[in-house]
Amino acid sequence: MGLKTQLGLPPYTITYFPVRGRCEAMRMLLADQDQSWKEEVVTMETWPPLKPSCLFRQLPKFQDGDLTLYQSNAILRHLGRSFGLYGKDQKEAALVDMVNDGVEDLRCKYATLIYTNYEAGKEKYVKELPEHLKPFETLLSQNQGGQAFVVGSQISFADYNLLDLLRIHQVLNPSCLDAFPLLSAYVARLSARPKIKAFLASPEHVNRPINGNGKQ
């Protein structure tokens, strides 16, 4: 990694499809931490020959120097440890893990809707969404009155993951956070962080679809 940096090459490489999907949270994290990275874009044509070489036959693939990782949440946790984004102590780290698992649960529900049942299932999904968002509002209310981050007084990898999840749900249903004032303010506050704001305004983010099937 040191040698790569000396040579002017980004120390990180994200190999993924040309969508936001499961990589936008790690991209936001890297951007906010002032890190550069390289994108290796995989198309439907280049995916079949690449797939057998991928550990779990899936993407993203993430390279940090000579370390190769698969599984998006393992990558987020690795970056959390790398940049001190894992809470200030063991108790906070446990809460960060809990939040991230909660994000994963809702992300899986969202992906199932998008890829298997969008037209028929959207109305029911949106109707049930407040029940799934409420735990995150509760967590915010229990931490400094909801004026900071989801855990503790410093940003964690789970914040980037939650921010991405909330933003894509605002695309699905623009009014979904209206009943959750702390979550609404949280999204606005984190999205306004200078490096995240710049990333969100970048062509790389704006022109990258959320999902790979044209839904959203």
N, C-alpha and C. Protein backbone atom coordinates (compact mmCIF):
# COMPACT_ATOMS: atom_id res chain seq x y z
N MET A 1 0.84 -1.19 0.00
CA MET A 1 0.00 0.00 0.00
C MET A 1 0.88 1.25 0.00
N GLY A 2 1.92 1.24 0.81
CA GLY A 2 2.82 2.39 0.86
C GLY A 2 3.45 2.66 -0.49
N LEU A 3 3.88 1.60 -1.16
CA LEU A 3 4.52 1.74 -2.48
C LEU A 3 3.53 2.31 -3.48
N LYS A 4 2.31 1.79 -3.46
CA LYS A 4 1.29 2.29 -4.37
C LYS A 4 1.08 3.79 -4.18
N THR A 5 1.00 4.19 -2.91
CA THR A 5 0.77 5.60 -2.62
C THR A 5 1.94 6.43 -3.13
N GLN A 6 3.17 5.95 -2.92
CA GLN A 6 4.35 6.67 -3.38
C GLN A 6 4.34 6.82 -4.90
N LEU A 7 3.81 5.84 -5.59
CA LEU A 7 3.77 5.89 -7.04
C LEU A 7 2.61 6.74 -7.56
N GLY A 8 1.84 7.29 -6.64
CA GLY A 8 0.73 8.14 -7.03
C GLY A 8 -0.53 7.38 -7.41
N LEU A 9 -0.57 6.09 -7.13
CA LEU A 9 -1.75 5.29 -7.44
C LEU A 9 -2.67 5.22 -6.23
N PRO A 10 -3.97 5.24 -6.42
CA PRO A 10 -4.87 5.11 -5.28
C PRO A 10 -4.62 3.79 -4.55
N PRO A 11 -4.63 3.82 -3.21
CA PRO A 11 -4.38 2.58 -2.47
C PRO A 11 -5.57 1.62 -2.50
N TYR A 12 -6.74 2.12 -2.89
CA TYR A 12 -7.95 1.30 -2.86
C TYR A 12 -8.52 1.12 -4.27
N THR A 13 -9.05 -0.08 -4.50
CA THR A 13 -9.76 -0.34 -5.76
C THR A 13 -11.10 -1.00 -5.46
N ILE A 14 -12.16 -0.43 -6.02
CA ILE A 14 -13.50 -1.00 -5.92
C ILE A 14 -13.85 -1.63 -7.26
N THR A 15 -14.12 -2.92 -7.25
CA THR A 15 -14.56 -3.62 -8.46
C THR A 15 -16.05 -3.93 -8.30
N TYR A 16 -16.85 -3.33 -9.20
CA TYR A 16 -18.31 -3.43 -9.02
C TYR A 16 -19.01 -3.10 -10.34
N PHE A 17 -20.28 -3.36 -10.36
CA PHE A 17 -21.10 -3.01 -11.51
C PHE A 17 -21.29 -1.49 -11.58
N PRO A 18 -21.74 -0.94 -12.71
CA PRO A 18 -21.86 0.52 -12.85
C PRO A 18 -23.11 1.08 -12.17
N VAL A 19 -23.27 0.76 -10.88
CA VAL A 19 -24.42 1.22 -10.09
C VAL A 19 -23.92 1.67 -8.71
N ARG A 20 -24.80 2.34 -7.98
CA ARG A 20 -24.46 2.71 -6.59
C ARG A 20 -24.52 1.47 -5.71
N GLY A 21 -25.69 0.81 -5.72
CA GLY A 21 -25.84 -0.48 -5.05
C GLY A 21 -25.19 -0.55 -3.68
N ARG A 22 -24.37 -1.57 -3.50
CA ARG A 22 -23.74 -1.83 -2.20
C ARG A 22 -22.40 -1.12 -2.02
N CYS A 23 -22.06 -0.26 -2.96
CA CYS A 23 -20.75 0.41 -2.85
C CYS A 23 -20.84 1.89 -2.52
N GLU A 24 -22.02 2.49 -2.60
CA GLU A 24 -22.08 3.94 -2.42
C GLU A 24 -21.74 4.35 -0.99
N ALA A 25 -22.07 3.52 -0.01
CA ALA A 25 -21.72 3.84 1.37
C ALA A 25 -20.20 3.88 1.55
N MET A 26 -19.49 2.89 0.97
CA MET A 26 -18.02 2.90 1.11
C MET A 26 -17.41 4.03 0.30
N ARG A 27 -18.02 4.37 -0.83
CA ARG A 27 -17.52 5.52 -1.61
C ARG A 27 -17.68 6.81 -0.81
N MET A 28 -18.83 6.99 -0.16
CA MET A 28 -19.04 8.18 0.67
C MET A 28 -18.04 8.23 1.81
N LEU A 29 -17.81 7.09 2.43
CA LEU A 29 -16.84 7.00 3.53
C LEU A 29 -15.46 7.43 3.04
N LEU A 30 -15.01 6.86 1.93
CA LEU A 30 -13.68 7.19 1.41
C LEU A 30 -13.58 8.67 1.04
N ALA A 31 -14.63 9.18 0.39
CA ALA A 31 -14.62 10.59 0.00
C ALA A 31 -14.55 11.49 1.24
N ASP A 32 -15.37 11.17 2.25
CA ASP A 32 -15.41 11.99 3.46
C ASP A 32 -14.10 11.93 4.23
N GLN A 33 -13.39 10.82 4.11
CA GLN A 33 -12.10 10.66 4.78
C GLN A 33 -10.94 11.12 3.89
N ASP A 34 -11.28 11.79 2.80
CA ASP A 34 -10.28 12.39 1.89
C ASP A 34 -9.35 11.35 1.28
N GLN A 35 -9.94 10.22 0.92
CA GLN A 35 -9.16 9.13 0.31
C GLN A 35 -9.48 9.05 -1.19
N SER A 36 -8.50 8.62 -1.96
CA SER A 36 -8.74 8.38 -3.38
C SER A 36 -8.86 6.88 -3.60
N TRP A 37 -9.57 6.52 -4.66
CA TRP A 37 -9.72 5.11 -4.99
C TRP A 37 -9.92 4.96 -6.48
N LYS A 38 -9.72 3.76 -6.94
CA LYS A 38 -9.88 3.44 -8.35
C LYS A 38 -11.13 2.60 -8.52
N GLU A 39 -11.84 2.82 -9.60
CA GLU A 39 -13.04 2.02 -9.91
C GLU A 39 -12.72 1.06 -11.05
N GLU A 40 -12.97 -0.20 -10.83
CA GLU A 40 -12.93 -1.19 -11.91
C GLU A 40 -14.38 -1.57 -12.20
N VAL A 41 -14.91 -1.10 -13.32
CA VAL A 41 -16.32 -1.28 -13.62
C VAL A 41 -16.54 -2.60 -14.37
N VAL A 42 -17.46 -3.38 -13.85
CA VAL A 42 -17.76 -4.69 -14.43
C VAL A 42 -19.10 -4.60 -15.15
N THR A 43 -19.13 -5.02 -16.40
CA THR A 43 -20.37 -5.00 -17.18
C THR A 43 -20.96 -6.40 -17.24
N MET A 44 -22.14 -6.49 -17.79
CA MET A 44 -22.78 -7.80 -17.94
C MET A 44 -21.98 -8.70 -18.88
N GLU A 45 -21.19 -8.07 -19.76
CA GLU A 45 -20.34 -8.85 -20.67
C GLU A 45 -19.08 -9.35 -19.97
N THR A 46 -18.49 -8.51 -19.12
CA THR A 46 -17.23 -8.91 -18.48
C THR A 46 -17.44 -9.69 -17.18
N TRP A 47 -18.70 -9.71 -16.67
CA TRP A 47 -18.96 -10.38 -15.40
C TRP A 47 -18.83 -11.91 -15.49
N PRO A 48 -19.42 -12.59 -16.48
CA PRO A 48 -19.34 -14.06 -16.48
C PRO A 48 -17.92 -14.63 -16.41
N PRO A 49 -16.94 -14.09 -17.17
CA PRO A 49 -15.59 -14.64 -17.03
C PRO A 49 -14.90 -14.28 -15.70
N LEU A 50 -15.35 -13.17 -15.08
CA LEU A 50 -14.75 -12.75 -13.81
C LEU A 50 -15.32 -13.52 -12.62
N LYS A 51 -16.60 -13.87 -12.71
CA LYS A 51 -17.34 -14.44 -11.57
C LYS A 51 -16.64 -15.63 -10.91
N PRO A 52 -16.11 -16.60 -11.66
CA PRO A 52 -15.48 -17.76 -11.00
C PRO A 52 -14.29 -17.40 -10.11
N SER A 53 -13.64 -16.28 -10.40
CA SER A 53 -12.47 -15.89 -9.61
C SER A 53 -12.86 -15.16 -8.33
N CYS A 54 -14.14 -14.78 -8.19
CA CYS A 54 -14.59 -14.05 -7.00
C CYS A 54 -14.96 -15.04 -5.90
N LEU A 55 -14.49 -14.78 -4.72
CA LEU A 55 -14.58 -15.74 -3.61
C LEU A 55 -15.98 -16.28 -3.40
N PHE A 56 -16.96 -15.38 -3.33
CA PHE A 56 -18.34 -15.81 -3.09
C PHE A 56 -19.18 -15.71 -4.37
N ARG A 57 -18.48 -15.63 -5.49
CA ARG A 57 -19.17 -15.49 -6.79
C ARG A 57 -20.03 -14.24 -6.84
N GLN A 58 -19.58 -13.19 -6.17
CA GLN A 58 -20.36 -11.95 -6.17
C GLN A 58 -19.43 -10.75 -5.98
N LEU A 59 -19.97 -9.59 -6.28
CA LEU A 59 -19.28 -8.32 -6.08
C LEU A 59 -20.05 -7.52 -5.04
N PRO A 60 -19.42 -6.53 -4.39
CA PRO A 60 -18.14 -5.91 -4.72
C PRO A 60 -16.92 -6.71 -4.28
N LYS A 61 -15.84 -6.38 -4.98
CA LYS A 61 -14.50 -6.82 -4.60
C LYS A 61 -13.75 -5.55 -4.24
N PHE A 62 -13.01 -5.60 -3.15
CA PHE A 62 -12.32 -4.40 -2.66
C PHE A 62 -10.86 -4.74 -2.40
N GLN A 63 -10.00 -3.93 -2.94
CA GLN A 63 -8.56 -4.15 -2.72
C GLN A 63 -7.96 -2.98 -1.95
N ASP A 64 -7.29 -3.31 -0.87
CA ASP A 64 -6.54 -2.36 -0.05
C ASP A 64 -5.09 -2.84 -0.09
N GLY A 65 -4.31 -2.31 -1.04
CA GLY A 65 -2.97 -2.83 -1.22
C GLY A 65 -3.02 -4.30 -1.58
N ASP A 66 -2.37 -5.13 -0.76
CA ASP A 66 -2.34 -6.57 -1.06
C ASP A 66 -3.46 -7.33 -0.37
N LEU A 67 -4.38 -6.62 0.28
CA LEU A 67 -5.54 -7.24 0.93
C LEU A 67 -6.73 -7.18 -0.01
N THR A 68 -7.32 -8.34 -0.31
CA THR A 68 -8.52 -8.40 -1.14
C THR A 68 -9.69 -8.85 -0.29
N LEU A 69 -10.76 -8.07 -0.32
CA LEU A 69 -11.94 -8.37 0.48
C LEU A 69 -13.17 -8.49 -0.39
N TYR A 70 -14.08 -9.36 0.02
CA TYR A 70 -15.42 -9.44 -0.53
C TYR A 70 -16.40 -9.22 0.63
N GLN A 71 -17.67 -9.06 0.30
CA GLN A 71 -18.74 -8.80 1.28
C GLN A 71 -18.72 -7.32 1.70
N SER A 72 -19.75 -6.60 1.30
CA SER A 72 -19.76 -5.15 1.48
C SER A 72 -19.66 -4.72 2.94
N ASN A 73 -20.31 -5.46 3.84
CA ASN A 73 -20.24 -5.05 5.25
C ASN A 73 -18.89 -5.34 5.87
N ALA A 74 -18.21 -6.39 5.43
CA ALA A 74 -16.84 -6.64 5.88
C ALA A 74 -15.92 -5.52 5.42
N ILE A 75 -16.16 -5.04 4.20
CA ILE A 75 -15.36 -3.92 3.67
C ILE A 75 -15.61 -2.67 4.50
N LEU A 76 -16.86 -2.39 4.81
CA LEU A 76 -17.17 -1.21 5.64
C LEU A 76 -16.52 -1.32 7.02
N ARG A 77 -16.57 -2.50 7.60
CA ARG A 77 -15.97 -2.66 8.93
C ARG A 77 -14.44 -2.50 8.86
N HIS A 78 -13.83 -3.02 7.81
CA HIS A 78 -12.39 -2.85 7.61
C HIS A 78 -12.04 -1.36 7.53
N LEU A 79 -12.81 -0.62 6.74
CA LEU A 79 -12.56 0.82 6.62
C LEU A 79 -12.85 1.53 7.95
N GLY A 80 -13.84 1.03 8.68
CA GLY A 80 -14.13 1.59 10.00
C GLY A 80 -12.94 1.46 10.93
N ARG A 81 -12.31 0.29 10.93
CA ARG A 81 -11.12 0.10 11.76
C ARG A 81 -9.95 0.93 11.25
N SER A 82 -9.83 1.02 9.93
CA SER A 82 -8.69 1.73 9.34
C SER A 82 -8.69 3.22 9.66
N PHE A 83 -9.88 3.81 9.74
CA PHE A 83 -9.97 5.27 9.89
C PHE A 83 -10.57 5.71 11.23
N GLY A 84 -10.64 4.79 12.19
CA GLY A 84 -11.16 5.18 13.50
C GLY A 84 -12.64 5.52 13.47
N LEU A 85 -13.40 4.78 12.66
CA LEU A 85 -14.83 5.04 12.48
C LEU A 85 -15.65 3.91 13.10
N TYR A 86 -15.20 3.44 14.27
CA TYR A 86 -15.82 2.26 14.88
C TYR A 86 -16.17 2.52 16.34
N GLY A 87 -16.51 3.78 16.64
CA GLY A 87 -16.82 4.14 18.02
C GLY A 87 -15.57 4.37 18.83
N LYS A 88 -15.75 4.95 20.01
CA LYS A 88 -14.58 5.31 20.82
C LYS A 88 -14.18 4.19 21.77
N ASP A 89 -15.02 3.19 21.96
CA ASP A 89 -14.70 2.10 22.87
C ASP A 89 -15.49 0.85 22.45
N GLN A 90 -15.34 -0.20 23.24
CA GLN A 90 -15.97 -1.47 22.89
C GLN A 90 -17.49 -1.39 22.90
N LYS A 91 -18.03 -0.62 23.84
CA LYS A 91 -19.48 -0.46 23.93
C LYS A 91 -20.03 0.22 22.68
N GLU A 92 -19.39 1.30 22.27
CA GLU A 92 -19.84 2.00 21.07
C GLU A 92 -19.66 1.13 19.83
N ALA A 93 -18.57 0.36 19.78
CA ALA A 93 -18.34 -0.52 18.64
C ALA A 93 -19.47 -1.54 18.52
N ALA A 94 -19.93 -2.06 19.65
CA ALA A 94 -21.04 -3.02 19.64
C ALA A 94 -22.32 -2.37 19.11
N LEU A 95 -22.56 -1.12 19.51
CA LEU A 95 -23.74 -0.41 19.03
C LEU A 95 -23.63 -0.09 17.54
N VAL A 96 -22.43 0.26 17.08
CA VAL A 96 -22.21 0.52 15.65
C VAL A 96 -22.51 -0.75 14.86
N ASP A 97 -22.04 -1.90 15.34
CA ASP A 97 -22.33 -3.17 14.67
C ASP A 97 -23.84 -3.43 14.63
N MET A 98 -24.51 -3.14 15.73
CA MET A 98 -25.96 -3.36 15.79
C MET A 98 -26.68 -2.49 14.75
N VAL A 99 -26.31 -1.21 14.69
CA VAL A 99 -26.91 -0.31 13.71
C VAL A 99 -26.66 -0.84 12.29
N ASN A 100 -25.43 -1.24 12.02
CA ASN A 100 -25.10 -1.70 10.67
C ASN A 100 -25.89 -2.96 10.30
N ASP A 101 -26.11 -3.83 11.27
CA ASP A 101 -26.94 -5.02 11.01
C ASP A 101 -28.38 -4.62 10.73
N GLY A 102 -28.87 -3.59 11.42
CA GLY A 102 -30.21 -3.09 11.15
C GLY A 102 -30.32 -2.50 9.76
N VAL A 103 -29.28 -1.78 9.35
CA VAL A 103 -29.24 -1.24 7.99
C VAL A 103 -29.26 -2.37 6.97
N GLU A 104 -28.49 -3.42 7.23
CA GLU A 104 -28.44 -4.56 6.32
C GLU A 104 -29.81 -5.22 6.18
N ASP A 105 -30.52 -5.36 7.28
CA ASP A 105 -31.87 -5.96 7.22
C ASP A 105 -32.77 -5.18 6.27
N LEU A 106 -32.78 -3.84 6.42
CA LEU A 106 -33.66 -3.03 5.58
C LEU A 106 -33.13 -2.97 4.14
N ARG A 107 -31.83 -2.99 3.96
CA ARG A 107 -31.28 -2.98 2.61
C ARG A 107 -31.70 -4.26 1.87
N CYS A 108 -31.71 -5.37 2.56
CA CYS A 108 -32.13 -6.63 1.92
C CYS A 108 -33.60 -6.59 1.55
N LYS A 109 -34.44 -6.01 2.41
CA LYS A 109 -35.86 -5.85 2.08
C LYS A 109 -36.02 -4.97 0.84
N TYR A 110 -35.26 -3.89 0.79
CA TYR A 110 -35.30 -2.97 -0.34
C TYR A 110 -34.86 -3.68 -1.62
N ALA A 111 -33.77 -4.42 -1.55
CA ALA A 111 -33.27 -5.12 -2.75
C ALA A 111 -34.27 -6.15 -3.25
N THR A 112 -34.92 -6.84 -2.32
CA THR A 112 -35.94 -7.82 -2.72
C THR A 112 -37.08 -7.13 -3.46
N LEU A 113 -37.51 -5.97 -2.93
CA LEU A 113 -38.56 -5.20 -3.62
C LEU A 113 -38.10 -4.81 -5.02
N ILE A 114 -36.93 -4.20 -5.11
CA ILE A 114 -36.45 -3.65 -6.38
C ILE A 114 -36.27 -4.74 -7.43
N TYR A 115 -35.73 -5.86 -7.02
CA TYR A 115 -35.33 -6.87 -8.01
C TYR A 115 -36.35 -7.98 -8.23
N THR A 116 -37.34 -8.08 -7.33
CA THR A 116 -38.29 -9.20 -7.51
C THR A 116 -39.75 -8.78 -7.54
N ASN A 117 -40.09 -7.58 -7.01
CA ASN A 117 -41.52 -7.33 -6.80
C ASN A 117 -41.86 -5.83 -6.85
N TYR A 118 -41.14 -5.07 -7.68
CA TYR A 118 -41.25 -3.61 -7.60
C TYR A 118 -42.66 -3.10 -7.88
N GLU A 119 -43.21 -3.45 -9.03
CA GLU A 119 -44.51 -2.89 -9.41
C GLU A 119 -45.62 -3.35 -8.46
N ALA A 120 -45.66 -4.65 -8.18
CA ALA A 120 -46.74 -5.20 -7.35
C ALA A 120 -46.55 -4.90 -5.87
N GLY A 121 -45.28 -4.76 -5.43
CA GLY A 121 -45.02 -4.68 -4.00
C GLY A 121 -44.73 -3.30 -3.45
N LYS A 122 -44.56 -2.29 -4.31
CA LYS A 122 -44.12 -0.98 -3.83
C LYS A 122 -45.08 -0.35 -2.82
N GLU A 123 -46.38 -0.40 -3.12
CA GLU A 123 -47.36 0.26 -2.24
C GLU A 123 -47.31 -0.34 -0.82
N LYS A 124 -47.28 -1.65 -0.73
CA LYS A 124 -47.21 -2.33 0.57
C LYS A 124 -45.89 -2.01 1.27
N TYR A 125 -44.80 -1.99 0.51
CA TYR A 125 -43.48 -1.70 1.08
C TYR A 125 -43.46 -0.30 1.70
N VAL A 126 -43.96 0.67 0.94
CA VAL A 126 -43.97 2.06 1.42
C VAL A 126 -44.86 2.20 2.65
N LYS A 127 -45.97 1.47 2.66
CA LYS A 127 -46.89 1.52 3.81
C LYS A 127 -46.22 0.98 5.08
N GLU A 128 -45.40 -0.06 4.91
CA GLU A 128 -44.75 -0.68 6.07
C GLU A 128 -43.42 -0.02 6.44
N LEU A 129 -42.94 0.88 5.58
CA LEU A 129 -41.63 1.47 5.78
C LEU A 129 -41.46 2.19 7.12
N PRO A 130 -42.46 2.97 7.60
CA PRO A 130 -42.27 3.66 8.89
C PRO A 130 -41.88 2.72 10.03
N GLU A 131 -42.44 1.52 10.00
CA GLU A 131 -42.12 0.52 11.03
C GLU A 131 -40.62 0.16 10.99
N HIS A 132 -40.04 0.17 9.80
CA HIS A 132 -38.63 -0.19 9.65
C HIS A 132 -37.70 1.00 9.89
N LEU A 133 -38.22 2.21 9.73
CA LEU A 133 -37.40 3.42 9.96
C LEU A 133 -37.41 3.84 11.43
N LYS A 134 -38.47 3.48 12.13
CA LYS A 134 -38.62 3.94 13.52
C LYS A 134 -37.44 3.58 14.42
N PRO A 135 -36.85 2.37 14.32
CA PRO A 135 -35.72 2.06 15.21
C PRO A 135 -34.55 3.04 15.06
N PHE A 136 -34.33 3.53 13.85
CA PHE A 136 -33.21 4.46 13.63
C PHE A 136 -33.53 5.83 14.23
N GLU A 137 -34.79 6.24 14.16
CA GLU A 137 -35.21 7.48 14.82
C GLU A 137 -35.03 7.34 16.33
N THR A 138 -35.39 6.17 16.85
CA THR A 138 -35.24 5.91 18.29
C THR A 138 -33.77 5.99 18.70
N LEU A 139 -32.90 5.36 17.93
CA LEU A 139 -31.46 5.40 18.23
C LEU A 139 -30.94 6.83 18.24
N LEU A 140 -31.34 7.63 17.27
CA LEU A 140 -30.91 9.03 17.24
C LEU A 140 -31.40 9.77 18.47
N SER A 141 -32.66 9.54 18.84
CA SER A 141 -33.24 10.26 19.99
C SER A 141 -32.51 9.94 21.29
N GLN A 142 -31.90 8.75 21.33
CA GLN A 142 -31.20 8.31 22.55
C GLN A 142 -29.74 8.77 22.59
N ASN A 143 -29.30 9.43 21.53
CA ASN A 143 -27.90 9.86 21.45
C ASN A 143 -27.83 11.37 21.22
N GLN A 144 -27.57 12.11 22.29
CA GLN A 144 -27.39 13.56 22.23
C GLN A 144 -28.59 14.25 21.58
N GLY A 145 -29.78 13.73 21.86
CA GLY A 145 -30.99 14.35 21.35
C GLY A 145 -31.12 14.31 19.85
N GLY A 146 -30.38 13.41 19.23
CA GLY A 146 -30.46 13.27 17.78
C GLY A 146 -29.70 14.33 17.01
N GLN A 147 -28.84 15.07 17.69
CA GLN A 147 -28.15 16.18 17.04
C GLN A 147 -26.77 15.81 16.51
N ALA A 148 -26.36 14.56 16.73
CA ALA A 148 -25.00 14.17 16.32
C ALA A 148 -25.07 13.02 15.32
N PHE A 149 -24.53 11.89 15.71
CA PHE A 149 -24.47 10.72 14.85
C PHE A 149 -25.34 9.62 15.45
N VAL A 150 -25.40 8.49 14.77
CA VAL A 150 -26.32 7.45 15.24
C VAL A 150 -25.78 6.77 16.50
N VAL A 151 -24.44 6.78 16.67
CA VAL A 151 -23.80 6.26 17.88
C VAL A 151 -22.69 7.23 18.27
N GLY A 152 -22.66 7.64 19.53
CA GLY A 152 -21.54 8.43 20.02
C GLY A 152 -21.44 9.83 19.42
N SER A 153 -20.26 10.43 19.58
CA SER A 153 -20.07 11.83 19.18
C SER A 153 -19.17 11.97 17.96
N GLN A 154 -18.85 10.82 17.32
CA GLN A 154 -18.04 10.88 16.10
C GLN A 154 -18.66 9.98 15.04
N ILE A 155 -18.41 10.30 13.80
CA ILE A 155 -19.02 9.54 12.71
C ILE A 155 -18.45 8.11 12.69
N SER A 156 -19.29 7.16 12.30
CA SER A 156 -18.86 5.77 12.21
C SER A 156 -19.19 5.23 10.82
N PHE A 157 -18.65 4.07 10.50
CA PHE A 157 -18.96 3.47 9.19
C PHE A 157 -20.45 3.21 9.04
N ALA A 158 -21.14 2.96 10.15
CA ALA A 158 -22.58 2.72 10.08
C ALA A 158 -23.35 3.97 9.67
N ASP A 159 -22.81 5.15 10.00
CA ASP A 159 -23.47 6.39 9.58
C ASP A 159 -23.50 6.50 8.06
N TYR A 160 -22.40 6.18 7.42
CA TYR A 160 -22.37 6.26 5.96
C TYR A 160 -23.35 5.26 5.34
N ASN A 161 -23.42 4.09 5.93
CA ASN A 161 -24.32 3.06 5.43
C ASN A 161 -25.78 3.47 5.63
N LEU A 162 -26.08 4.00 6.81
CA LEU A 162 -27.44 4.46 7.10
C LEU A 162 -27.80 5.66 6.22
N LEU A 163 -26.87 6.58 6.04
CA LEU A 163 -27.13 7.74 5.19
C LEU A 163 -27.50 7.30 3.77
N ASP A 164 -26.73 6.38 3.22
CA ASP A 164 -27.02 5.89 1.88
C ASP A 164 -28.40 5.23 1.82
N LEU A 165 -28.70 4.40 2.81
CA LEU A 165 -29.99 3.70 2.85
C LEU A 165 -31.15 4.69 2.91
N LEU A 166 -31.02 5.72 3.74
CA LEU A 166 -32.09 6.71 3.88
C LEU A 166 -32.25 7.52 2.59
N ARG A 167 -31.15 7.87 1.96
CA ARG A 167 -31.22 8.65 0.73
C ARG A 167 -31.90 7.86 -0.40
N ILE A 168 -31.61 6.58 -0.51
CA ILE A 168 -32.25 5.82 -1.59
C ILE A 168 -33.74 5.61 -1.29
N HIS A 169 -34.11 5.57 -0.02
CA HIS A 169 -35.53 5.48 0.31
C HIS A 169 -36.25 6.81 0.04
N GLN A 170 -35.53 7.92 0.16
CA GLN A 170 -36.13 9.20 -0.21
C GLN A 170 -36.40 9.28 -1.71
N VAL A 171 -35.61 8.55 -2.50
CA VAL A 171 -35.89 8.47 -3.94
C VAL A 171 -37.13 7.59 -4.18
N LEU A 172 -37.19 6.48 -3.45
CA LEU A 172 -38.34 5.57 -3.57
C LEU A 172 -39.64 6.26 -3.17
N ASN A 173 -39.58 7.00 -2.04
CA ASN A 173 -40.76 7.67 -1.49
C ASN A 173 -40.31 8.97 -0.84
N PRO A 174 -40.37 10.09 -1.58
CA PRO A 174 -39.80 11.36 -1.10
C PRO A 174 -40.30 11.83 0.26
N SER A 175 -41.47 11.38 0.66
CA SER A 175 -42.01 11.84 1.95
C SER A 175 -41.74 10.86 3.09
N CYS A 176 -40.90 9.85 2.85
CA CYS A 176 -40.77 8.77 3.84
C CYS A 176 -40.19 9.22 5.18
N LEU A 177 -39.47 10.34 5.21
CA LEU A 177 -38.88 10.79 6.47
C LEU A 177 -39.68 11.93 7.11
N ASP A 178 -40.80 12.30 6.51
CA ASP A 178 -41.57 13.43 7.03
C ASP A 178 -42.01 13.21 8.48
N ALA A 179 -42.28 11.97 8.83
CA ALA A 179 -42.74 11.67 10.19
C ALA A 179 -41.56 11.43 11.15
N PHE A 180 -40.34 11.58 10.65
CA PHE A 180 -39.15 11.31 11.45
C PHE A 180 -38.22 12.53 11.42
N PRO A 181 -38.51 13.52 12.27
CA PRO A 181 -37.73 14.77 12.21
C PRO A 181 -36.24 14.60 12.48
N LEU A 182 -35.89 13.66 13.37
CA LEU A 182 -34.47 13.48 13.67
C LEU A 182 -33.73 12.86 12.48
N LEU A 183 -34.37 11.87 11.83
CA LEU A 183 -33.76 11.26 10.66
C LEU A 183 -33.67 12.25 9.50
N SER A 184 -34.69 13.07 9.32
CA SER A 184 -34.67 14.09 8.27
C SER A 184 -33.50 15.04 8.47
N ALA A 185 -33.35 15.51 9.72
CA ALA A 185 -32.25 16.44 10.02
C ALA A 185 -30.90 15.76 9.89
N TYR A 186 -30.85 14.49 10.26
CA TYR A 186 -29.62 13.68 10.17
C TYR A 186 -29.15 13.57 8.72
N VAL A 187 -30.08 13.25 7.81
CA VAL A 187 -29.72 13.14 6.40
C VAL A 187 -29.22 14.48 5.88
N ALA A 188 -29.92 15.55 6.22
CA ALA A 188 -29.50 16.88 5.76
C ALA A 188 -28.13 17.25 6.31
N ARG A 189 -27.92 16.95 7.59
CA ARG A 189 -26.67 17.32 8.26
C ARG A 189 -25.48 16.55 7.66
N LEU A 190 -25.62 15.24 7.51
CA LEU A 190 -24.51 14.45 6.97
C LEU A 190 -24.27 14.75 5.49
N SER A 191 -25.36 14.97 4.76
CA SER A 191 -25.21 15.26 3.32
C SER A 191 -24.53 16.61 3.10
N ALA A 192 -24.55 17.47 4.13
CA ALA A 192 -23.93 18.79 4.02
C ALA A 192 -22.46 18.80 4.44
N ARG A 193 -21.95 17.68 4.95
CA ARG A 193 -20.52 17.62 5.25
C ARG A 193 -19.76 17.92 3.95
N PRO A 194 -18.80 18.83 3.98
CA PRO A 194 -18.23 19.34 2.72
C PRO A 194 -17.78 18.27 1.73
N LYS A 195 -17.09 17.25 2.20
CA LYS A 195 -16.58 16.24 1.25
C LYS A 195 -17.70 15.31 0.77
N ILE A 196 -18.69 15.04 1.64
CA ILE A 196 -19.84 14.25 1.19
C ILE A 196 -20.68 15.07 0.20
N LYS A 197 -20.87 16.35 0.51
CA LYS A 197 -21.63 17.22 -0.39
C LYS A 197 -20.99 17.26 -1.77
N ALA A 198 -19.66 17.37 -1.81
CA ALA A 198 -18.95 17.40 -3.10
C ALA A 198 -19.10 16.07 -3.83
N PHE A 199 -19.01 14.97 -3.08
CA PHE A 199 -19.17 13.65 -3.70
C PHE A 199 -20.58 13.49 -4.27
N LEU A 200 -21.59 13.90 -3.50
CA LEU A 200 -22.98 13.75 -3.94
C LEU A 200 -23.28 14.61 -5.16
N ALA A 201 -22.51 15.68 -5.35
CA ALA A 201 -22.70 16.56 -6.51
C ALA A 201 -21.86 16.13 -7.71
N SER A 202 -20.99 15.16 -7.51
CA SER A 202 -20.06 14.75 -8.57
C SER A 202 -20.78 13.96 -9.66
N PRO A 203 -20.31 14.06 -10.90
CA PRO A 203 -20.91 13.27 -11.99
C PRO A 203 -20.86 11.78 -11.70
N GLU A 204 -19.80 11.33 -11.02
CA GLU A 204 -19.66 9.90 -10.72
C GLU A 204 -20.86 9.40 -9.91
N HIS A 205 -21.30 10.21 -8.95
CA HIS A 205 -22.46 9.82 -8.14
C HIS A 205 -23.77 10.08 -8.90
N VAL A 206 -23.90 11.28 -9.43
CA VAL A 206 -25.16 11.69 -10.05
C VAL A 206 -25.53 10.79 -11.23
N ASN A 207 -24.54 10.41 -12.01
CA ASN A 207 -24.81 9.64 -13.23
C ASN A 207 -24.85 8.13 -13.01
N ARG A 208 -24.59 7.72 -11.78
CA ARG A 208 -24.57 6.28 -11.48
C ARG A 208 -25.94 5.86 -10.97
N PRO A 209 -26.66 4.97 -11.67
CA PRO A 209 -27.99 4.57 -11.18
C PRO A 209 -27.89 3.85 -9.84
N ILE A 210 -28.96 3.91 -9.08
CA ILE A 210 -28.97 3.25 -7.77
C ILE A 210 -28.92 1.73 -7.95
N ASN A 211 -29.72 1.25 -8.87
CA ASN A 211 -29.85 -0.20 -9.06
C ASN A 211 -29.57 -0.58 -10.51
N GLY A 212 -29.39 -1.87 -10.73
CA GLY A 212 -28.96 -2.33 -12.04
C GLY A 212 -30.07 -2.72 -13.00
N ASN A 213 -31.33 -2.54 -12.58
CA ASN A 213 -32.42 -3.00 -13.45
C ASN A 213 -33.33 -1.86 -13.90
N GLY A 214 -32.87 -0.63 -13.73
CA GLY A 214 -33.67 0.50 -14.20
C GLY A 214 -34.73 0.97 -13.22
N LYS A 215 -34.90 0.27 -12.11
CA LYS A 215 -35.84 0.72 -11.08
C LYS A 215 -35.10 1.75 -10.22
N GLN A 216 -35.59 2.97 -10.23
CA GLN A 216 -34.96 4.12 -9.59
C GLN A 216 -33.71 4.54 -10.36
